[in-house]
C-alpha cells in the first residue's frame, strides 16, 4: 500500500466508500487517458500511469487474549497479523464487502485501512461496450505498449489452490481472488453468457440441455407477471423483460432471442432483494463446466446446483427417475492436476436435504414412493461421451464405485465448488439407460422431455427457495481449509 492517499481506522462502510472513491478515480483517469490517446496519440507519462491502480484493502488483527472461537465457516482469522487484497468494482460488491469486514471488526476488533496498490488496472477492463478499439483504427497491440495490459503472470488461483508461499512478515491474503483475477473473470462471463456480469444472481442453476431454458423462461415470465418477489428477467444479449411488459410481446421477444450466438447463454430471474436465480446452459462436457465455474466463482455466489440429464446405470431405474448425487467418480480428468481425483468431494448436508425435500414437495411423493423415483448414490462424470464403446474397461470401475448414474459435468461442478468454496449439489434426471438397452431415441426422448423437464427444474428452484433462508449454515466448514483467507 502506498503511503500517499491512504486512510486507516475506518469502519466497514467508510472503508468501502473509500474503495469506491479510489476505484472510480483510477478508472476515470485511465478512461480519460485512453480517450486522449484515441484522439491525439498522447502517451501517459509515469506520473499519470501511477494513477491507473487498483485500491488496496488491509485488515489487521492484534490478539489481546485468546482468539475467539467462531463456528461460522468464514469471516474469521487464522491468527493475528495483517491481511491484504486488491479490490475491483467495489460499488457493485459493496454489500458483500461490508458484511465480510463487519464480521472481522465485531468479532476480533480488527482495524481497516484503505489505500492505493501497486497493481495496475489493465486497460480493457475499463471498456464497457467492447467496441472502443474500433475508434481510429487503434489496435490492442498498440495500446498494450502504452497502457497497462492483462498479464497472465498476474492472474491465477494460487490462493484458492493453496499454492501461495509467503515470506516471513508478509501480509496474508484477505480473499481468494484479487482484483486482477476478478476483472479477468467478469469479462469472460460477459463473453460466454451474453449478459452483463452484474445481472448474475447469487443462486445459480447449471444445466446441459436447452429445454431447461425454455422451462426457466416460462417460469420467469409467470413469476414477473405476478405480484411477487421477482421483478424482471434478463436474457442473453441484454434484453430485459420487465413486469409491465405485455405477455404476448414478451414471448415474441423471447422467440426472437439470438441466444445461439453465445457459448453458454445465461438467463437471470431477478428479485427486489437481490437474491434471484440465474440459469446457465453450459452445454455438454467437463471443459465447459470448469470454464464457466472458474469465472462465476469470483462473484461469490451462495450456491450452484447441477440440474441436468444422466444415464441411469441400474436396471431398477426408470426413464424420468431422479438421481441425488452424494459422491462422484471423477473421470473428467480436467481437474486432475489442480484437485486430484483421490481427494474426496463431500456431499453438503444442507444442499442434500433441500433437494430431497424439494423433490417431495414438487412430486407430492414421500417415503417409499419417493425412494422409488429418487435414488441417492455415486455419479460417474466422464470426459468421453462414447464411454459405452469401451464397456469392458469401464465395467470394473463402475462396479467398484457402486455408481448409479453417468454424466459429463456433475463431478466437475462439484469439484469446482469444493475447490473454489462455493456450495454445490447435483440432482439429475435419468434420460436413458445405456447398460440396459434403453438408449435415447428421438420419439422416446421427446416424450420424456415434455413430461420431465418442467418438474425437474421446479425441484431445483424449490430447493433454492429452501436454501435462501439459511445462508450462513449453507457455507459449510467442509469447504474451508486450515489457512483460509478471512473473506467468504
Protein backbone atom coordinates (compact mmCIF):
# COMPACT_ATOMS: atom_id res chain seq x y z
CA UNK A 1 0.00 0.00 0.00
CA UNK A 2 1.33 3.42 -0.83
CA UNK A 3 1.75 5.95 1.96
CA UNK A 4 0.05 8.64 -0.08
CA UNK A 5 -3.71 8.72 -0.41
CA UNK A 6 -4.35 6.14 2.32
CA UNK A 7 -6.82 6.03 5.18
CA UNK A 8 -6.86 3.87 8.33
CA UNK A 9 -9.06 3.27 11.36
CA UNK A 10 -12.13 3.07 9.16
CA UNK A 11 -15.50 1.46 9.81
CA UNK A 12 -16.56 -1.18 7.27
CA UNK A 13 -18.86 1.26 5.48
CA UNK A 14 -16.25 4.02 5.48
CA UNK A 15 -13.69 1.58 4.10
CA UNK A 16 -15.97 0.50 1.26
CA UNK A 17 -16.83 4.12 0.46
CA UNK A 18 -13.10 4.85 0.22
CA UNK A 19 -12.57 1.83 -2.03
CA UNK A 20 -15.35 3.07 -4.29
CA UNK A 21 -13.78 6.53 -4.45
CA UNK A 22 -10.28 5.27 -5.24
CA UNK A 23 -11.50 2.79 -7.84
CA UNK A 24 -13.60 5.47 -9.56
CA UNK A 25 -10.66 7.87 -9.61
CA UNK A 26 -8.34 5.24 -11.09
CA UNK A 27 -10.74 4.05 -13.77
CA UNK A 28 -11.78 7.62 -14.67
CA UNK A 29 -8.12 8.56 -15.07
CA UNK A 30 -7.48 5.52 -17.25
CA UNK A 31 -10.57 6.18 -19.38
CA UNK A 32 -9.57 9.83 -19.85
CA UNK A 33 -6.06 8.85 -20.92
CA UNK A 34 -7.45 6.32 -23.37
CA UNK A 35 -9.85 8.89 -24.85
CA UNK A 36 -6.98 11.33 -25.25
CA UNK A 37 -4.86 8.69 -26.93
CA UNK A 38 -7.63 7.82 -29.37
CA UNK A 39 -7.85 11.50 -30.36
CA UNK A 40 -4.24 12.70 -30.20
CA UNK A 41 -1.99 9.64 -29.60
CA UNK A 42 -0.67 11.38 -26.47
CA UNK A 43 1.08 8.83 -24.27
CA UNK A 44 0.55 8.94 -20.48
CA UNK A 45 3.74 9.69 -18.56
CA UNK A 46 4.90 7.75 -15.50
CA UNK A 47 3.15 10.07 -13.05
CA UNK A 48 -0.17 9.75 -14.87
CA UNK A 49 0.19 6.00 -15.25
CA UNK A 50 0.71 5.69 -11.49
CA UNK A 51 -2.93 6.74 -11.13
CA UNK A 52 -4.15 3.63 -13.01
CA UNK A 53 -4.00 1.35 -9.97
CA UNK A 54 -6.46 -0.78 -8.05
CA UNK A 55 -7.35 0.22 -4.49
CA UNK A 56 -6.00 -2.00 -1.74
CA UNK A 57 -7.83 -3.17 1.38
CA UNK A 58 -5.85 -4.08 4.50
CA UNK A 59 -7.22 -5.58 7.74
CA UNK A 60 -5.07 -6.04 10.84
CA UNK A 61 -5.87 -8.29 13.78
CA UNK A 62 -3.92 -7.86 17.01
CA UNK A 63 -4.67 -10.59 19.56
CA UNK A 64 -5.50 -9.29 23.03
CA UNK A 65 -6.13 -12.57 24.79
CA UNK A 66 -7.41 -15.91 23.46
CA UNK A 67 -8.53 -15.91 19.84
CA UNK A 68 -12.34 -16.03 19.51
CA UNK A 69 -13.83 -19.43 18.70
CA UNK A 70 -16.13 -18.81 15.75
CA UNK A 71 -18.40 -21.58 14.45
CA UNK A 72 -19.04 -19.65 11.24
CA UNK A 73 -17.10 -21.06 8.25
CA UNK A 74 -15.90 -17.66 7.06
CA UNK A 75 -15.34 -14.12 8.31
CA UNK A 76 -12.63 -15.21 10.73
CA UNK A 77 -8.86 -15.02 11.07
CA UNK A 78 -6.49 -17.98 11.23
CA UNK A 79 -4.24 -15.95 13.51
CA UNK A 80 -3.01 -12.43 14.31
CA UNK A 81 -1.49 -10.40 11.51
CA UNK A 82 -2.23 -8.19 8.53
CA UNK A 83 -4.40 -9.45 5.67
CA UNK A 84 -4.45 -7.67 2.31
CA UNK A 85 -6.18 -7.81 -1.07
CA UNK A 86 -6.76 -5.54 -4.05
CA UNK A 87 -10.36 -4.73 -4.94
CA UNK A 88 -12.25 -4.07 -8.16
CA UNK A 89 -15.84 -2.93 -8.75
CA UNK A 90 -16.39 -2.09 -5.04
CA UNK A 91 -19.60 -0.23 -5.85
CA UNK A 92 -21.18 -3.50 -7.06
CA UNK A 93 -19.61 -5.68 -4.35
CA UNK A 94 -20.22 -3.23 -1.51
CA UNK A 95 -22.83 -5.29 0.38
CA UNK A 96 -20.52 -8.31 0.30
CA UNK A 97 -17.50 -6.26 1.38
CA UNK A 98 -19.34 -4.53 4.25
CA UNK A 99 -20.65 -7.88 5.52
CA UNK A 100 -17.22 -9.55 5.46
CA UNK A 101 -15.48 -6.61 7.13
CA UNK A 102 -18.20 -6.32 9.77
CA UNK A 103 -17.58 -9.89 10.97
CA UNK A 104 -13.88 -9.16 11.41
CA UNK A 105 -14.42 -5.88 13.24
CA UNK A 106 -17.21 -7.09 15.50
CA UNK A 107 -15.68 -10.46 16.44
CA UNK A 108 -11.97 -9.58 16.52
CA UNK A 109 -11.76 -5.81 16.88
CA UNK A 110 -9.79 -5.68 13.63
CA UNK A 111 -8.66 -2.37 12.17
CA UNK A 112 -9.19 -1.47 8.50
CA UNK A 113 -7.01 0.61 6.17
CA UNK A 114 -7.53 1.52 2.51
CA UNK A 115 -5.01 2.87 0.05
CA UNK A 116 -3.67 2.57 -3.49
CA UNK A 117 -1.92 -0.66 -4.51
CA UNK A 118 0.97 -1.26 -6.89
CA UNK A 119 -1.29 -3.40 -9.12
CA UNK A 120 -2.18 -1.62 -12.36
CA UNK A 121 -5.65 -1.84 -13.89
CA UNK A 122 -5.42 -3.37 -17.39
CA UNK A 123 -6.91 -1.02 -19.96
CA UNK A 124 -9.53 -3.49 -21.40
CA UNK A 125 -11.21 -3.68 -18.00
CA UNK A 126 -12.49 -0.10 -18.24
CA UNK A 127 -14.13 -0.66 -21.64
CA UNK A 128 -17.85 -1.09 -21.08
CA UNK A 129 -19.17 -1.58 -24.63
CA UNK A 130 -16.27 -3.58 -26.00
CA UNK A 131 -16.18 -1.71 -29.32
CA UNK A 132 -13.89 1.10 -28.23
CA UNK A 133 -10.94 -0.37 -30.14
CA UNK A 134 -12.75 0.39 -33.39
CA UNK A 135 -12.10 4.09 -32.92
CA UNK A 136 -9.29 5.49 -35.02
CA UNK A 137 -8.05 2.03 -36.04
CA UNK A 138 -6.09 1.63 -32.80
CA UNK A 139 -5.01 -1.97 -32.27
CA UNK A 140 -4.83 -3.81 -28.97
CA UNK A 141 -1.13 -4.43 -29.55
CA UNK A 142 -0.55 -0.69 -29.86
CA UNK A 143 -2.47 0.05 -26.66
CA UNK A 144 -0.57 -2.66 -24.79
CA UNK A 145 2.68 -0.82 -25.47
CA UNK A 146 1.34 2.36 -23.88
CA UNK A 147 -1.20 1.29 -21.24
CA UNK A 148 -1.34 -1.47 -18.60
CA UNK A 149 -2.33 -4.70 -20.32
CA UNK A 150 -3.67 -8.00 -18.95
CA UNK A 151 -0.75 -10.17 -17.87
CA UNK A 152 -1.32 -13.86 -17.26
CA UNK A 153 1.57 -13.79 -14.81
CA UNK A 154 -0.56 -11.52 -12.60
CA UNK A 155 -3.71 -13.68 -12.75
CA UNK A 156 -4.02 -17.00 -11.01
CA UNK A 157 -5.69 -19.24 -8.45
CA UNK A 158 -2.70 -19.78 -6.21
CA UNK A 159 -4.63 -18.63 -3.14
CA UNK A 160 -7.67 -20.82 -3.81
CA UNK A 161 -5.43 -23.79 -4.59
CA UNK A 162 -3.23 -23.27 -1.51
CA UNK A 163 -0.09 -22.70 -3.60
CA UNK A 164 0.90 -19.33 -2.19
CA UNK A 165 4.15 -19.17 -0.20
CA UNK A 166 4.55 -16.04 1.90
CA UNK A 167 7.88 -14.68 3.15
CA UNK A 168 8.14 -14.14 6.91
CA UNK A 169 6.33 -10.98 7.93
CA UNK A 170 4.49 -10.58 4.62
CA UNK A 171 0.75 -9.78 4.72
CA UNK A 172 -1.55 -12.76 4.29
CA UNK A 173 -4.32 -12.88 1.64
CA UNK A 174 -7.64 -11.39 2.71
CA UNK A 175 -9.70 -13.00 -0.07
CA UNK A 176 -9.50 -15.90 -2.52
CA UNK A 177 -9.30 -13.64 -5.56
CA UNK A 178 -7.54 -10.31 -6.05
CA UNK A 179 -8.75 -7.52 -8.31
CA UNK A 180 -6.96 -8.62 -11.47
CA UNK A 181 -8.32 -12.17 -11.16
CA UNK A 182 -11.85 -10.86 -10.60
CA UNK A 183 -11.75 -8.45 -13.56
CA UNK A 184 -10.37 -11.24 -15.75
CA UNK A 185 -13.41 -13.41 -15.00
CA UNK A 186 -16.01 -10.63 -15.12
CA UNK A 187 -15.16 -10.01 -18.78
CA UNK A 188 -15.30 -13.69 -19.61
CA UNK A 189 -18.70 -14.07 -18.01
CA UNK A 190 -19.97 -11.45 -20.43
CA UNK A 191 -18.26 -13.18 -23.37
CA UNK A 192 -19.54 -16.68 -22.67
CA UNK A 193 -23.03 -15.96 -21.32
CA UNK A 194 -24.04 -12.97 -23.44
CA UNK A 195 -25.15 -10.95 -20.42
CA UNK A 196 -23.63 -8.31 -18.18
CA UNK A 197 -21.91 -9.93 -15.20
CA UNK A 198 -23.86 -7.60 -12.92
CA UNK A 199 -27.03 -9.49 -13.84
CA UNK A 200 -25.76 -12.81 -12.45
CA UNK A 201 -27.71 -13.77 -9.33
CA UNK A 202 -26.24 -15.40 -6.18
CA UNK A 203 -28.24 -18.61 -6.71
CA UNK A 204 -27.14 -20.46 -9.84
CA UNK A 205 -28.61 -23.42 -11.70
CA UNK A 206 -26.40 -25.10 -14.31
CA UNK A 207 -27.89 -27.33 -16.98
CA UNK A 208 -26.75 -29.26 -20.02
CA UNK A 209 -29.91 -29.07 -22.17
CA UNK A 210 -31.64 -26.10 -23.77
CA UNK A 211 -35.09 -27.46 -22.93
CA UNK A 212 -34.46 -26.43 -19.32
CA UNK A 213 -34.01 -22.90 -20.60
CA UNK A 214 -37.45 -22.97 -22.19
CA UNK A 215 -38.99 -24.02 -18.88
CA UNK A 216 -36.98 -21.46 -16.92
CA UNK A 217 -38.08 -18.63 -19.20
CA UNK A 218 -41.70 -19.77 -18.94
CA UNK A 219 -41.41 -19.92 -15.15
CA UNK A 220 -39.79 -16.48 -15.10
CA UNK A 221 -42.50 -14.89 -17.21
CA UNK A 222 -45.13 -16.40 -14.92
CA UNK A 223 -43.35 -15.06 -11.83
CA UNK A 224 -42.83 -11.49 -13.01
CA UNK A 225 -46.43 -11.41 -14.16
CA UNK A 226 -47.48 -11.81 -10.52
CA UNK A 227 -47.21 -9.52 -7.53
CA UNK A 228 -44.31 -11.46 -6.02
CA UNK A 229 -40.61 -11.08 -5.20
CA UNK A 230 -39.38 -11.42 -8.79
CA UNK A 231 -39.07 -8.17 -10.75
CA UNK A 232 -37.67 -8.92 -14.20
CA UNK A 233 -35.94 -11.43 -16.43
CA UNK A 234 -32.61 -10.68 -18.14
CA UNK A 235 -31.90 -12.66 -21.30
CA UNK A 236 -28.79 -13.21 -23.45
CA UNK A 237 -27.92 -10.11 -25.42
CA UNK A 238 -29.00 -7.92 -22.51
CA UNK A 239 -32.75 -7.99 -23.22
CA UNK A 240 -34.74 -7.22 -20.05
CA UNK A 241 -38.33 -8.45 -19.71
CA UNK A 242 -39.96 -6.18 -17.14
CA UNK A 243 -43.11 -6.79 -15.14
CA UNK A 244 -45.18 -4.26 -17.07
CA UNK A 245 -44.46 -5.80 -20.49
CA UNK A 246 -47.38 -7.50 -22.23
CA UNK A 247 -47.05 -11.30 -22.06
CA UNK A 248 -47.57 -11.78 -25.79
CA UNK A 249 -44.90 -9.18 -26.56
CA UNK A 250 -42.55 -10.80 -24.05
CA UNK A 251 -42.99 -14.19 -25.69
CA UNK A 252 -42.34 -12.64 -29.11
CA UNK A 253 -39.08 -11.12 -27.88
CA UNK A 254 -38.03 -14.41 -26.33
CA UNK A 255 -38.74 -16.27 -29.57
CA UNK A 256 -36.53 -13.83 -31.49
CA UNK A 257 -33.70 -14.06 -28.98
CA UNK A 258 -30.23 -14.65 -30.52
CA UNK A 259 -29.12 -16.99 -27.70
CA UNK A 260 -27.25 -19.21 -30.15
CA UNK A 261 -24.58 -16.50 -30.52
CA UNK A 262 -23.24 -17.31 -27.07
CA UNK A 263 -21.38 -20.43 -26.00
CA UNK A 264 -23.09 -20.72 -22.61
CA UNK A 265 -26.15 -18.44 -22.61
CA UNK A 266 -27.38 -17.26 -19.22
CA UNK A 267 -30.83 -16.20 -18.01
CA UNK A 268 -31.33 -14.18 -14.85
CA UNK A 269 -34.57 -14.00 -12.85
CA UNK A 270 -34.03 -11.03 -10.54
CA UNK A 271 -35.66 -10.21 -7.22
CA UNK A 272 -36.05 -6.91 -5.43
CA UNK A 273 -33.85 -8.18 -2.57
CA UNK A 274 -31.01 -9.19 -4.91
CA UNK A 275 -31.50 -12.90 -4.16
CA UNK A 276 -32.67 -14.04 -7.57
CA UNK A 277 -31.76 -17.11 -9.65
CA UNK A 278 -29.53 -17.48 -12.70
CA UNK A 279 -29.72 -20.40 -15.12
CA UNK A 280 -26.72 -21.10 -17.36
CA UNK A 281 -26.90 -23.61 -20.19
CA UNK A 282 -23.31 -24.82 -20.03
CA UNK A 283 -23.73 -27.38 -22.82
CA UNK A 284 -22.07 -30.76 -22.67
CA UNK A 285 -18.74 -31.73 -21.18
CA UNK A 286 -16.35 -31.06 -18.30
CA UNK A 287 -14.38 -28.37 -20.15
CA UNK A 288 -17.40 -26.08 -20.31
CA UNK A 289 -18.29 -26.93 -16.71
CA UNK A 290 -14.85 -25.92 -15.44
CA UNK A 291 -14.66 -22.87 -17.67
CA UNK A 292 -17.85 -21.18 -16.51
CA UNK A 293 -17.46 -22.06 -12.82
CA UNK A 294 -13.89 -20.67 -12.83
CA UNK A 295 -15.45 -17.33 -13.69
CA UNK A 296 -18.74 -17.44 -11.77
CA UNK A 297 -16.79 -18.15 -8.57
CA UNK A 298 -15.39 -14.59 -8.39
CA UNK A 299 -18.96 -13.35 -7.82
CA UNK A 300 -19.03 -15.42 -4.60
CA UNK A 301 -22.46 -16.97 -5.22
CA UNK A 302 -24.28 -18.66 -2.38
CA UNK A 303 -24.73 -21.92 -4.28
CA UNK A 304 -24.65 -23.61 -7.67
CA UNK A 305 -26.69 -26.68 -8.49
CA UNK A 306 -26.36 -29.02 -11.45
CA UNK A 307 -29.82 -29.74 -12.87
CA UNK A 308 -29.42 -31.88 -15.97
CA UNK A 309 -29.70 -35.30 -17.55
CA UNK A 310 -27.80 -38.52 -16.94
CA UNK A 311 -27.67 -42.14 -17.95
CA UNK A 312 -29.10 -44.50 -15.34
CA UNK A 313 -26.84 -47.47 -14.54
CA UNK A 314 -29.28 -49.66 -12.58
CA UNK A 315 -31.91 -51.95 -14.00
CA UNK A 316 -34.45 -50.77 -11.40
CA UNK A 317 -34.26 -47.16 -12.56
CA UNK A 318 -36.83 -45.80 -14.97
CA UNK A 319 -36.65 -43.03 -17.50
CA UNK A 320 -37.62 -39.87 -15.63
CA UNK A 321 -36.32 -41.01 -12.23
CA UNK A 322 -34.07 -38.69 -10.26
CA UNK A 323 -30.51 -39.13 -9.03
CA UNK A 324 -29.32 -37.15 -5.99
CA UNK A 325 -25.52 -37.39 -6.04
CA UNK A 326 -23.83 -37.99 -2.72
CA UNK A 327 -20.47 -38.91 -4.28
CA UNK A 328 -18.61 -38.62 -7.58
CA UNK A 329 -16.34 -40.96 -9.51
CA UNK A 330 -14.37 -38.25 -11.26
CA UNK A 331 -13.22 -39.39 -14.69
CA UNK A 332 -13.49 -35.90 -16.19
CA UNK A 333 -9.68 -35.55 -15.95
CA UNK A 334 -9.79 -31.77 -16.40
CA UNK A 335 -9.03 -31.00 -12.74
CA UNK A 336 -6.61 -33.83 -12.02
CA UNK A 337 -3.58 -31.56 -11.57
CA UNK A 338 -5.46 -28.93 -9.52
CA UNK A 339 -7.61 -31.26 -7.43
CA UNK A 340 -6.50 -34.88 -7.83
CA UNK A 341 -9.34 -37.40 -8.08
CA UNK A 342 -8.23 -39.14 -4.89
CA UNK A 343 -9.29 -36.04 -2.92
CA UNK A 344 -12.86 -36.74 -1.69
CA UNK A 345 -15.60 -34.28 -2.63
CA UNK A 346 -18.03 -34.33 0.31
CA UNK A 347 -21.77 -34.07 0.00
CA UNK A 348 -23.12 -30.94 1.73
CA UNK A 349 -25.91 -31.91 4.10
CA UNK A 350 -27.81 -28.62 3.76
CA UNK A 351 -27.97 -28.96 -0.02
CA UNK A 352 -28.80 -32.67 0.02
CA UNK A 353 -31.68 -32.14 2.45
CA UNK A 354 -33.05 -29.20 0.48
CA UNK A 355 -33.01 -31.13 -2.81
CA UNK A 356 -34.72 -34.14 -1.26
CA UNK A 357 -37.37 -32.00 0.44
CA UNK A 358 -37.92 -30.08 -2.79
CA UNK A 359 -38.40 -33.33 -4.71
CA UNK A 360 -41.00 -34.46 -2.19
CA UNK A 361 -42.77 -31.10 -2.33
CA UNK A 362 -42.91 -30.88 -6.12
CA UNK A 363 -43.73 -34.51 -6.88
CA UNK A 364 -46.15 -34.88 -3.98
CA UNK A 365 -44.48 -38.18 -3.07
CA UNK A 366 -42.74 -39.24 0.15
CA UNK A 367 -41.39 -42.27 1.94
CA UNK A 368 -41.10 -45.42 -0.16
CA UNK A 369 -42.87 -43.85 -3.13
CA UNK A 370 -40.30 -41.07 -3.27
CA UNK A 371 -37.46 -43.58 -2.92
CA UNK A 372 -38.76 -45.39 -5.99
CA UNK A 373 -38.22 -42.22 -8.03
CA UNK A 374 -35.29 -40.59 -6.23
CA UNK A 375 -32.11 -42.56 -5.69
CA UNK A 376 -29.09 -41.30 -3.77
CA UNK A 377 -25.70 -42.58 -4.84
CA UNK A 378 -22.47 -42.06 -6.77
CA UNK A 379 -22.41 -40.37 -10.16
CA UNK A 380 -19.67 -41.13 -12.69
CA UNK A 381 -18.57 -37.99 -14.53
CA UNK A 382 -16.80 -38.95 -17.74
CA UNK A 383 -14.92 -36.87 -20.31
CA UNK A 384 -15.88 -39.25 -23.14
CA UNK A 385 -19.48 -39.17 -24.34
CA UNK A 386 -19.00 -42.55 -26.01
CA UNK A 387 -17.63 -44.32 -22.97
CA UNK A 388 -20.00 -47.19 -23.74
CA UNK A 389 -17.69 -48.19 -26.61
CA UNK A 390 -15.08 -49.29 -24.08
CA UNK A 391 -17.51 -51.03 -21.77
CA UNK A 392 -15.14 -53.91 -21.00
CA UNK A 393 -12.70 -51.36 -19.50
CA UNK A 394 -15.33 -49.29 -17.68
CA UNK A 395 -17.29 -52.15 -16.14
CA UNK A 396 -14.91 -52.83 -13.23
CA UNK A 397 -14.73 -49.20 -12.03
CA UNK A 398 -18.48 -48.76 -12.24
CA UNK A 399 -18.97 -51.93 -10.21
CA UNK A 400 -16.40 -50.91 -7.59
CA UNK A 401 -17.84 -47.41 -7.23
CA UNK A 402 -21.44 -48.68 -6.96
CA UNK A 403 -22.32 -45.80 -9.28
CA UNK A 404 -25.97 -45.35 -10.18
CA UNK A 405 -25.65 -42.75 -12.95
CA UNK A 406 -23.22 -41.32 -15.50
CA UNK A 407 -22.90 -37.82 -16.96
CA UNK A 408 -20.21 -35.40 -18.18
CA UNK A 409 -20.49 -32.35 -15.89
CA UNK A 410 -21.64 -33.04 -12.32
CA UNK A 411 -18.34 -34.22 -10.85
CA UNK A 412 -16.55 -31.25 -12.36
CA UNK A 413 -19.08 -28.76 -10.99
CA UNK A 414 -18.97 -30.31 -7.52
CA UNK A 415 -15.17 -30.38 -7.54
CA UNK A 416 -15.07 -26.74 -8.62
CA UNK A 417 -17.46 -25.82 -5.84
CA UNK A 418 -15.23 -27.60 -3.34
CA UNK A 419 -12.07 -26.06 -4.81
CA UNK A 420 -13.43 -22.51 -5.04
CA UNK A 421 -15.54 -22.61 -1.84
CA UNK A 422 -18.98 -22.37 -3.48
CA UNK A 423 -21.68 -24.68 -2.03
CA UNK A 424 -22.78 -27.22 -4.63
CA UNK A 425 -25.21 -30.03 -5.30
CA UNK A 426 -26.45 -32.30 -8.08
CA UNK A 427 -29.92 -33.52 -8.97
CA UNK A 428 -30.04 -35.37 -12.28
CA UNK A 429 -32.87 -36.90 -14.26
CA UNK A 430 -32.44 -40.29 -15.96
CA UNK A 431 -32.92 -39.81 -19.70
CA UNK A 432 -31.61 -43.18 -20.85
CA UNK A 433 -30.24 -46.50 -19.53
CA UNK A 434 -27.27 -47.32 -21.75
CA UNK A 435 -26.38 -50.59 -19.98
CA UNK A 436 -29.91 -51.96 -20.23
CA UNK A 437 -30.91 -51.35 -23.82
CA UNK A 438 -32.86 -48.15 -23.22
CA UNK A 439 -30.95 -45.63 -25.33
CA UNK A 440 -32.02 -42.18 -26.45
CA UNK A 441 -34.25 -42.41 -29.49
CA UNK A 442 -35.96 -39.29 -30.92
CA UNK A 443 -39.55 -40.29 -30.19
CA UNK A 444 -39.00 -41.57 -26.67
CA UNK A 445 -36.68 -38.68 -25.84
CA UNK A 446 -39.22 -36.04 -26.87
CA UNK A 447 -41.96 -37.63 -24.79
CA UNK A 448 -39.63 -37.77 -21.80
CA UNK A 449 -38.55 -34.15 -22.21
CA UNK A 450 -42.09 -32.83 -22.35
CA UNK A 451 -43.06 -34.69 -19.20
CA UNK A 452 -39.99 -34.43 -17.01
CA UNK A 453 -38.07 -31.21 -17.64
CA UNK A 454 -40.60 -28.82 -16.11
CA UNK A 455 -40.90 -30.85 -12.91
CA UNK A 456 -37.13 -31.27 -12.62
CA UNK A 457 -36.46 -27.56 -13.00
CA UNK A 458 -39.13 -26.73 -10.45
CA UNK A 459 -37.45 -29.04 -7.93
CA UNK A 460 -34.21 -27.08 -8.39
CA UNK A 461 -35.97 -23.75 -7.95
CA UNK A 462 -37.82 -25.01 -4.88
CA UNK A 463 -34.53 -26.17 -3.36
CA UNK A 464 -33.12 -22.69 -3.89
CA UNK A 465 -36.11 -21.22 -2.06
CA UNK A 466 -35.39 -23.51 0.89
CA UNK A 467 -31.67 -22.72 0.95
CA UNK A 468 -32.18 -18.98 0.64
CA UNK A 469 -33.45 -18.74 4.20
CA UNK A 470 -30.33 -20.15 5.89
CA UNK A 471 -27.32 -18.84 4.02
CA UNK A 472 -24.87 -18.87 6.91
CA UNK A 473 -25.07 -22.63 7.58
CA UNK A 474 -25.06 -23.31 3.83
CA UNK A 475 -21.46 -22.07 3.60
CA UNK A 476 -20.11 -25.19 5.20
CA UNK A 477 -16.83 -25.56 7.08
CA UNK A 478 -16.28 -28.61 4.87
CA UNK A 479 -15.23 -26.20 2.15
CA UNK A 480 -12.61 -24.33 4.20
CA UNK A 481 -9.01 -25.29 4.86
CA UNK A 482 -6.76 -24.61 7.87
CA UNK A 483 -5.17 -21.50 6.31
CA UNK A 484 -8.19 -19.85 4.69
CA UNK A 485 -8.40 -16.15 3.80
CA UNK A 486 -10.94 -14.45 6.07
CA UNK A 487 -13.39 -13.43 3.33
CA UNK A 488 -16.04 -15.92 2.17
